[in-house]
PDB file of N, CA and C in Angstrom:
ATOM      1  N   MET A   1      14.428  -8.692   2.545  1.00  0.00           N
ATOM      2  CA  MET A   1      13.520  -9.596   1.871  1.00  0.00           C
ATOM      3  C   MET A   1      13.146  -8.982   0.520  1.00  0.00           C
ATOM      4  N   ALA A   2      13.285  -9.750  -0.514  1.00  0.00           N
ATOM      5  CA  ALA A   2      12.904  -9.295  -1.851  1.00  0.00           C
ATOM      6  C   ALA A   2      11.434  -9.651  -2.094  1.00  0.00           C
ATOM      7  N   TYR A   3      10.649  -8.637  -2.386  1.00  0.00           N
ATOM      8  CA  TYR A   3       9.222  -8.855  -2.627  1.00  0.00           C
ATOM      9  C   TYR A   3       8.965  -9.074  -4.110  1.00  0.00           C
ATOM     10  N   THR A   4       7.897  -9.791  -4.404  1.00  0.00           N
ATOM     11  CA  THR A   4       7.504 -10.032  -5.788  1.00  0.00           C
ATOM     12  C   THR A   4       6.086  -9.519  -6.001  1.00  0.00           C
ATOM     13  N   GLN A   5       5.686  -9.450  -7.268  1.00  0.00           N
ATOM     14  CA  GLN A   5       4.335  -9.037  -7.601  1.00  0.00           C
ATOM     15  C   GLN A   5       3.322 -10.020  -7.007  1.00  0.00           C
ATOM     16  N   ALA A   6       3.692 -11.299  -6.946  1.00  0.00           N
ATOM     17  CA  ALA A   6       2.811 -12.310  -6.362  1.00  0.00           C
ATOM     18  C   ALA A   6       2.563 -12.021  -4.875  1.00  0.00           C
ATOM     19  N   ASP A   7       3.589 -11.548  -4.160  1.00  0.00           N
ATOM     20  CA  ASP A   7       3.425 -11.183  -2.752  1.00  0.00           C
ATOM     21  C   ASP A   7       2.420 -10.043  -2.610  1.00  0.00           C
ATOM     22  N   LEU A   8       2.546  -9.050  -3.468  1.00  0.00           N
ATOM     23  CA  LEU A   8       1.626  -7.919  -3.444  1.00  0.00           C
ATOM     24  C   LEU A   8       0.206  -8.372  -3.747  1.00  0.00           C
ATOM     25  N   ASP A   9       0.067  -9.227  -4.745  1.00  0.00           N
ATOM     26  CA  ASP A   9      -1.261  -9.734  -5.108  1.00  0.00           C
ATOM     27  C   ASP A   9      -1.895 -10.515  -3.957  1.00  0.00           C
ATOM     28  N   ARG A  10      -1.103 -11.365  -3.285  1.00  0.00           N
ATOM     29  CA  ARG A  10      -1.619 -12.141  -2.150  1.00  0.00           C
ATOM     30  C   ARG A  10      -2.063 -11.231  -1.014  1.00  0.00           C
ATOM     31  N   LEU A  11      -1.257 -10.212  -0.738  1.00  0.00           N
ATOM     32  CA  LEU A  11      -1.582  -9.287   0.341  1.00  0.00           C
ATOM     33  C   LEU A  11      -2.862  -8.513   0.028  1.00  0.00           C
ATOM     34  N   GLN A  12      -2.978  -8.019  -1.188  1.00  0.00           N
ATOM     35  CA  GLN A  12      -4.170  -7.270  -1.572  1.00  0.00           C
ATOM     36  C   GLN A  12      -5.408  -8.161  -1.571  1.00  0.00           C
ATOM     37  N   SER A  13      -5.261  -9.395  -1.981  1.00  0.00           N
ATOM     38  CA  SER A  13      -6.371 -10.340  -1.962  1.00  0.00           C
ATOM     39  C   SER A  13      -6.828 -10.602  -0.525  1.00  0.00           C
ATOM     40  N   ALA A  14      -5.875 -10.773   0.379  1.00  0.00           N
ATOM     41  CA  ALA A  14      -6.207 -11.013   1.785  1.00  0.00           C
ATOM     42  C   ALA A  14      -6.913  -9.797   2.385  1.00  0.00           C
ATOM     43  N   MET A  15      -6.450  -8.592   2.045  1.00  0.00           N
ATOM     44  CA  MET A  15      -7.095  -7.383   2.557  1.00  0.00           C
ATOM     45  C   MET A  15      -8.523  -7.282   2.037  1.00  0.00           C
ATOM     46  N   ALA A  16      -8.732  -7.629   0.778  1.00  0.00           N
ATOM     47  CA  ALA A  16     -10.068  -7.564   0.193  1.00  0.00           C
ATOM     48  C   ALA A  16     -11.021  -8.549   0.858  1.00  0.00           C
ATOM     49  N   LYS A  17     -10.498  -9.680   1.295  1.00  0.00           N
ATOM     50  CA  LYS A  17     -11.323 -10.700   1.948  1.00  0.00           C
ATOM     51  C   LYS A  17     -11.506 -10.442   3.440  1.00  0.00           C
ATOM     52  N   GLY A  18     -10.715  -9.532   3.985  1.00  0.00           N
ATOM     53  CA  GLY A  18     -10.785  -9.258   5.417  1.00  0.00           C
ATOM     54  C   GLY A  18      -9.961 -10.223   6.246  1.00  0.00           C
ATOM     55  N   ALA A  19      -9.061 -10.957   5.591  1.00  0.00           N
ATOM     56  CA  ALA A  19      -8.214 -11.923   6.303  1.00  0.00           C
ATOM     57  C   ALA A  19      -7.138 -11.188   7.096  1.00  0.00           C
ATOM     58  N   GLN A  20      -6.654 -11.836   8.142  1.00  0.00           N
ATOM     59  CA  GLN A  20      -5.604 -11.246   8.964  1.00  0.00           C
ATOM     60  C   GLN A  20      -4.259 -11.930   8.791  1.00  0.00           C
ATOM     61  N   ALA A  21      -4.210 -12.994   7.991  1.00  0.00           N
ATOM     62  CA  ALA A  21      -2.962 -13.723   7.800  1.00  0.00           C
ATOM     63  C   ALA A  21      -2.708 -13.938   6.310  1.00  0.00           C
ATOM     64  N   VAL A  22      -1.426 -13.901   5.939  1.00  0.00           N
ATOM     65  CA  VAL A  22      -0.992 -14.085   4.554  1.00  0.00           C
ATOM     66  C   VAL A  22       0.243 -14.958   4.565  1.00  0.00           C
ATOM     67  N   GLU A  23       0.383 -15.822   3.563  1.00  0.00           N
ATOM     68  CA  GLU A  23       1.592 -16.625   3.438  1.00  0.00           C
ATOM     69  C   GLU A  23       2.444 -16.049   2.317  1.00  0.00           C
ATOM     70  N   MET A  24       3.679 -15.674   2.664  1.00  0.00           N
ATOM     71  CA  MET A  24       4.627 -15.123   1.692  1.00  0.00           C
ATOM     72  C   MET A  24       5.953 -15.842   1.846  1.00  0.00           C
ATOM     73  N   ASN A  25       6.501 -16.306   0.742  1.00  0.00           N
ATOM     74  CA  ASN A  25       7.795 -16.992   0.735  1.00  0.00           C
ATOM     75  C   ASN A  25       7.832 -18.158   1.722  1.00  0.00           C
ATOM     76  N   GLY A  26       6.728 -18.899   1.822  1.00  0.00           N
ATOM     77  CA  GLY A  26       6.667 -20.047   2.708  1.00  0.00           C
ATOM     78  C   GLY A  26       6.534 -19.701   4.177  1.00  0.00           C
ATOM     79  N   GLU A  27       6.281 -18.436   4.477  1.00  0.00           N
ATOM     80  CA  GLU A  27       6.182 -17.990   5.862  1.00  0.00           C
ATOM     81  C   GLU A  27       4.813 -17.353   6.081  1.00  0.00           C
ATOM     82  N   LYS A  28       4.123 -17.769   7.139  1.00  0.00           N
ATOM     83  CA  LYS A  28       2.808 -17.210   7.433  1.00  0.00           C
ATOM     84  C   LYS A  28       2.968 -15.961   8.289  1.00  0.00           C
ATOM     85  N   ILE A  29       2.379 -14.863   7.812  1.00  0.00           N
ATOM     86  CA  ILE A  29       2.460 -13.592   8.525  1.00  0.00           C
ATOM     87  C   ILE A  29       1.059 -13.236   9.008  1.00  0.00           C
ATOM     88  N   THR A  30       0.922 -12.986  10.309  1.00  0.00           N
ATOM     89  CA  THR A  30      -0.361 -12.604  10.882  1.00  0.00           C
ATOM     90  C   THR A  30      -0.294 -11.137  11.294  1.00  0.00           C
ATOM     91  N   PHE A  31      -1.283 -10.377  10.860  1.00  0.00           N
ATOM     92  CA  PHE A  31      -1.340  -8.946  11.145  1.00  0.00           C
ATOM     93  C   PHE A  31      -2.352  -8.680  12.250  1.00  0.00           C
ATOM     94  N   ARG A  32      -2.062  -7.676  13.075  1.00  0.00           N
ATOM     95  CA  ARG A  32      -2.997  -7.296  14.138  1.00  0.00           C
ATOM     96  C   ARG A  32      -4.041  -6.313  13.634  1.00  0.00           C
ATOM     97  N   THR A  33      -3.631  -5.435  12.724  1.00  0.00           N
ATOM     98  CA  THR A  33      -4.556  -4.404  12.248  1.00  0.00           C
ATOM     99  C   THR A  33      -4.453  -4.259  10.730  1.00  0.00           C
ATOM    100  N   LEU A  34      -5.470  -3.632  10.152  1.00  0.00           N
ATOM    101  CA  LEU A  34      -5.453  -3.321   8.731  1.00  0.00           C
ATOM    102  C   LEU A  34      -4.354  -2.317   8.418  1.00  0.00           C
ATOM    103  N   ASP A  35      -4.071  -1.427   9.360  1.00  0.00           N
ATOM    104  CA  ASP A  35      -3.009  -0.433   9.164  1.00  0.00           C
ATOM    105  C   ASP A  35      -1.663  -1.103   8.927  1.00  0.00           C
ATOM    106  N   GLU A  36      -1.382  -2.183   9.636  1.00  0.00           N
ATOM    107  CA  GLU A  36      -0.128  -2.916   9.421  1.00  0.00           C
ATOM    108  C   GLU A  36      -0.069  -3.470   8.001  1.00  0.00           C
ATOM    109  N   MET A  37      -1.204  -3.968   7.514  1.00  0.00           N
ATOM    110  CA  MET A  37      -1.252  -4.522   6.159  1.00  0.00           C
ATOM    111  C   MET A  37      -1.041  -3.417   5.129  1.00  0.00           C
ATOM    112  N   LEU A  38      -1.644  -2.257   5.366  1.00  0.00           N
ATOM    113  CA  LEU A  38      -1.500  -1.137   4.436  1.00  0.00           C
ATOM    114  C   LEU A  38      -0.056  -0.637   4.393  1.00  0.00           C
ATOM    115  N   ARG A  39       0.614  -0.623   5.553  1.00  0.00           N
ATOM    116  CA  ARG A  39       2.022  -0.208   5.583  1.00  0.00           C
ATOM    117  C   ARG A  39       2.904  -1.174   4.794  1.00  0.00           C
ATOM    118  N   LEU A  40       2.640  -2.481   4.938  1.00  0.00           N
ATOM    119  CA  LEU A  40       3.412  -3.465   4.179  1.00  0.00           C
ATOM    120  C   LEU A  40       3.112  -3.349   2.686  1.00  0.00           C
ATOM    121  N   GLU A  41       1.855  -3.105   2.345  1.00  0.00           N
ATOM    122  CA  GLU A  41       1.493  -2.928   0.935  1.00  0.00           C
ATOM    123  C   GLU A  41       2.269  -1.759   0.330  1.00  0.00           C
ATOM    124  N   ARG A  42       2.320  -0.641   1.051  1.00  0.00           N
ATOM    125  CA  ARG A  42       3.061   0.537   0.586  1.00  0.00           C
ATOM    126  C   ARG A  42       4.543   0.207   0.416  1.00  0.00           C
ATOM    127  N   LYS A  43       5.115  -0.540   1.377  1.00  0.00           N
ATOM    128  CA  LYS A  43       6.526  -0.922   1.331  1.00  0.00           C
ATOM    129  C   LYS A  43       6.816  -1.804   0.115  1.00  0.00           C
ATOM    130  N   ILE A  44       5.924  -2.755  -0.167  1.00  0.00           N
ATOM    131  CA  ILE A  44       6.110  -3.641  -1.318  1.00  0.00           C
ATOM    132  C   ILE A  44       5.998  -2.853  -2.619  1.00  0.00           C
ATOM    133  N   LYS A  45       5.025  -1.935  -2.701  1.00  0.00           N
ATOM    134  CA  LYS A  45       4.865  -1.127  -3.913  1.00  0.00           C
ATOM    135  C   LYS A  45       6.114  -0.294  -4.200  1.00  0.00           C
ATOM    136  N   VAL A  46       6.689   0.279  -3.158  1.00  0.00           N
ATOM    137  CA  VAL A  46       7.915   1.066  -3.330  1.00  0.00           C
ATOM    138  C   VAL A  46       9.056   0.165  -3.789  1.00  0.00           C
ATOM    139  N   ALA A  47       9.174  -1.024  -3.197  1.00  0.00           N
ATOM    140  CA  ALA A  47      10.240  -1.962  -3.563  1.00  0.00           C
ATOM    141  C   ALA A  47      10.100  -2.431  -5.009  1.00  0.00           C
ATOM    142  N   LEU A  48       8.863  -2.543  -5.483  1.00  0.00           N
ATOM    143  CA  LEU A  48       8.631  -2.987  -6.861  1.00  0.00           C
ATOM    144  C   LEU A  48       8.663  -1.830  -7.859  1.00  0.00           C
ATOM    145  N   GLY A  49       8.745  -0.608  -7.347  1.00  0.00           N
ATOM    146  CA  GLY A  49       8.808   0.551  -8.233  1.00  0.00           C
ATOM    147  C   GLY A  49       7.451   1.003  -8.740  1.00  0.00           C
ATOM    148  N   HIS A  50       6.392   0.684  -7.985  1.00  0.00           N
ATOM    149  CA  HIS A  50       5.044   1.092  -8.384  1.00  0.00           C
ATOM    150  C   HIS A  50       4.649   2.428  -7.800  1.00  0.00           C
ATOM    151  N   GLY A  51       5.600   3.203  -7.369  1.00  0.00           N
ATOM    152  CA  GLY A  51       5.243   4.468  -6.721  1.00  0.00           C
ATOM    153  C   GLY A  51       4.968   4.195  -5.264  1.00  0.00           C
ATOM    154  N   GLY A  52       3.788   4.603  -4.820  1.00  0.00           N
ATOM    155  CA  GLY A  52       3.426   4.352  -3.441  1.00  0.00           C
ATOM    156  C   GLY A  52       4.170   5.229  -2.449  1.00  0.00           C
ATOM    157  N   GLY A  53       5.057   6.087  -2.940  1.00  0.00           N
ATOM    158  CA  GLY A  53       5.781   6.980  -2.051  1.00  0.00           C
ATOM    159  C   GLY A  53       4.924   8.155  -1.655  1.00  0.00           C
ATOM    160  N   SER A  54       5.555   9.206  -1.229  1.00  0.00           N
ATOM    161  CA  SER A  54       4.793  10.371  -0.800  1.00  0.00           C
ATOM    162  C   SER A  54       4.156  11.065  -2.007  1.00  0.00           C
ATOM    163  N   ARG A  55       3.034  11.662  -1.751  1.00  0.00           N
ATOM    164  CA  ARG A  55       2.318  12.361  -2.803  1.00  0.00           C
ATOM    165  C   ARG A  55       2.372  13.849  -2.532  1.00  0.00           C
ATOM    166  N   ARG A  56       2.467  14.619  -3.582  1.00  0.00           N
ATOM    167  CA  ARG A  56       2.503  16.067  -3.471  1.00  0.00           C
ATOM    168  C   ARG A  56       1.091  16.601  -3.628  1.00  0.00           C
ATOM    169  N   VAL A  57       0.654  17.398  -2.677  1.00  0.00           N
ATOM    170  CA  VAL A  57      -0.680  17.972  -2.715  1.00  0.00           C
ATOM    171  C   VAL A  57      -0.572  19.435  -3.084  1.00  0.00           C
ATOM    172  N   ILE A  58      -1.327  19.843  -4.090  1.00  0.00           N
ATOM    173  CA  ILE A  58      -1.326  21.239  -4.523  1.00  0.00           C
ATOM    174  C   ILE A  58      -2.713  21.811  -4.255  1.00  0.00           C
ATOM    175  N   ASN A  59      -2.749  22.896  -3.517  1.00  0.00           N
ATOM    176  CA  ASN A  59      -4.002  23.583  -3.225  1.00  0.00           C
ATOM    177  C   ASN A  59      -4.011  24.913  -3.974  1.00  0.00           C
ATOM    178  N   PRO A  60      -4.737  24.998  -5.076  1.00  0.00           N
ATOM    179  CA  PRO A  60      -4.735  26.237  -5.843  1.00  0.00           C
ATOM    180  C   PRO A  60      -5.525  27.347  -5.128  1.00  0.00           C
ATOM    181  N   VAL A  61      -5.066  28.566  -5.290  1.00  0.00           N
ATOM    182  CA  VAL A  61      -5.750  29.727  -4.742  1.00  0.00           C
ATOM    183  C   VAL A  61      -6.342  30.488  -5.914  1.00  0.00           C
ATOM    184  N   THR A  62      -7.640  30.702  -5.869  1.00  0.00           N
ATOM    185  CA  THR A  62      -8.301  31.416  -6.965  1.00  0.00           C
ATOM    186  C   THR A  62      -9.038  32.630  -6.430  1.00  0.00           C
ATOM    187  N   ARG A  63      -9.240  33.595  -7.304  1.00  0.00           N
ATOM    188  CA  ARG A  63      -9.966  34.794  -6.934  1.00  0.00           C
ATOM    189  C   ARG A  63     -10.949  35.113  -8.042  1.00  0.00           C
ATOM    190  N   THR A  64     -12.054  35.667  -7.658  1.00  0.00           N
ATOM    191  CA  THR A  64     -13.029  36.058  -8.664  1.00  0.00           C
ATOM    192  C   THR A  64     -13.024  37.570  -8.823  1.00  0.00           C
ATOM    193  N   GLY A  65     -13.421  38.032  -9.985  1.00  0.00           N
ATOM    194  CA  GLY A  65     -13.506  39.470 -10.228  1.00  0.00           C
ATOM    195  C   GLY A  65     -12.194  40.053 -10.733  1.00  0.00           C
ATOM    196  N   PHE A  66     -12.255  41.326 -11.034  1.00  0.00           N
ATOM    197  CA  PHE A  66     -11.064  42.028 -11.546  1.00  0.00           C
ATOM    198  C   PHE A  66     -10.431  42.849 -10.446  1.00  0.00           C
ATOM    199  N   ARG A  67      -9.165  43.096 -10.567  1.00  0.00           N
ATOM    200  CA  ARG A  67      -8.458  43.919  -9.576  1.00  0.00           C
ATOM    201  C   ARG A  67      -7.804  45.064 -10.242  1.00  0.00           C
TER     202      ARG A  67
END
């Protein structure tokens, strides 16, 4: 399925409203949980090239004083 920016906008709008169903490409999709919606949002963002992939976490190590 090819996703569009309009699909992403509809999904994000539905999540903001607390809705559990979204219509995309003439098809009504009903979600059981918010987690399912977030996973689809991430999938659409990756398909559109908006990032949404894995993030790199850097934890800096610092020391005080002289050695």
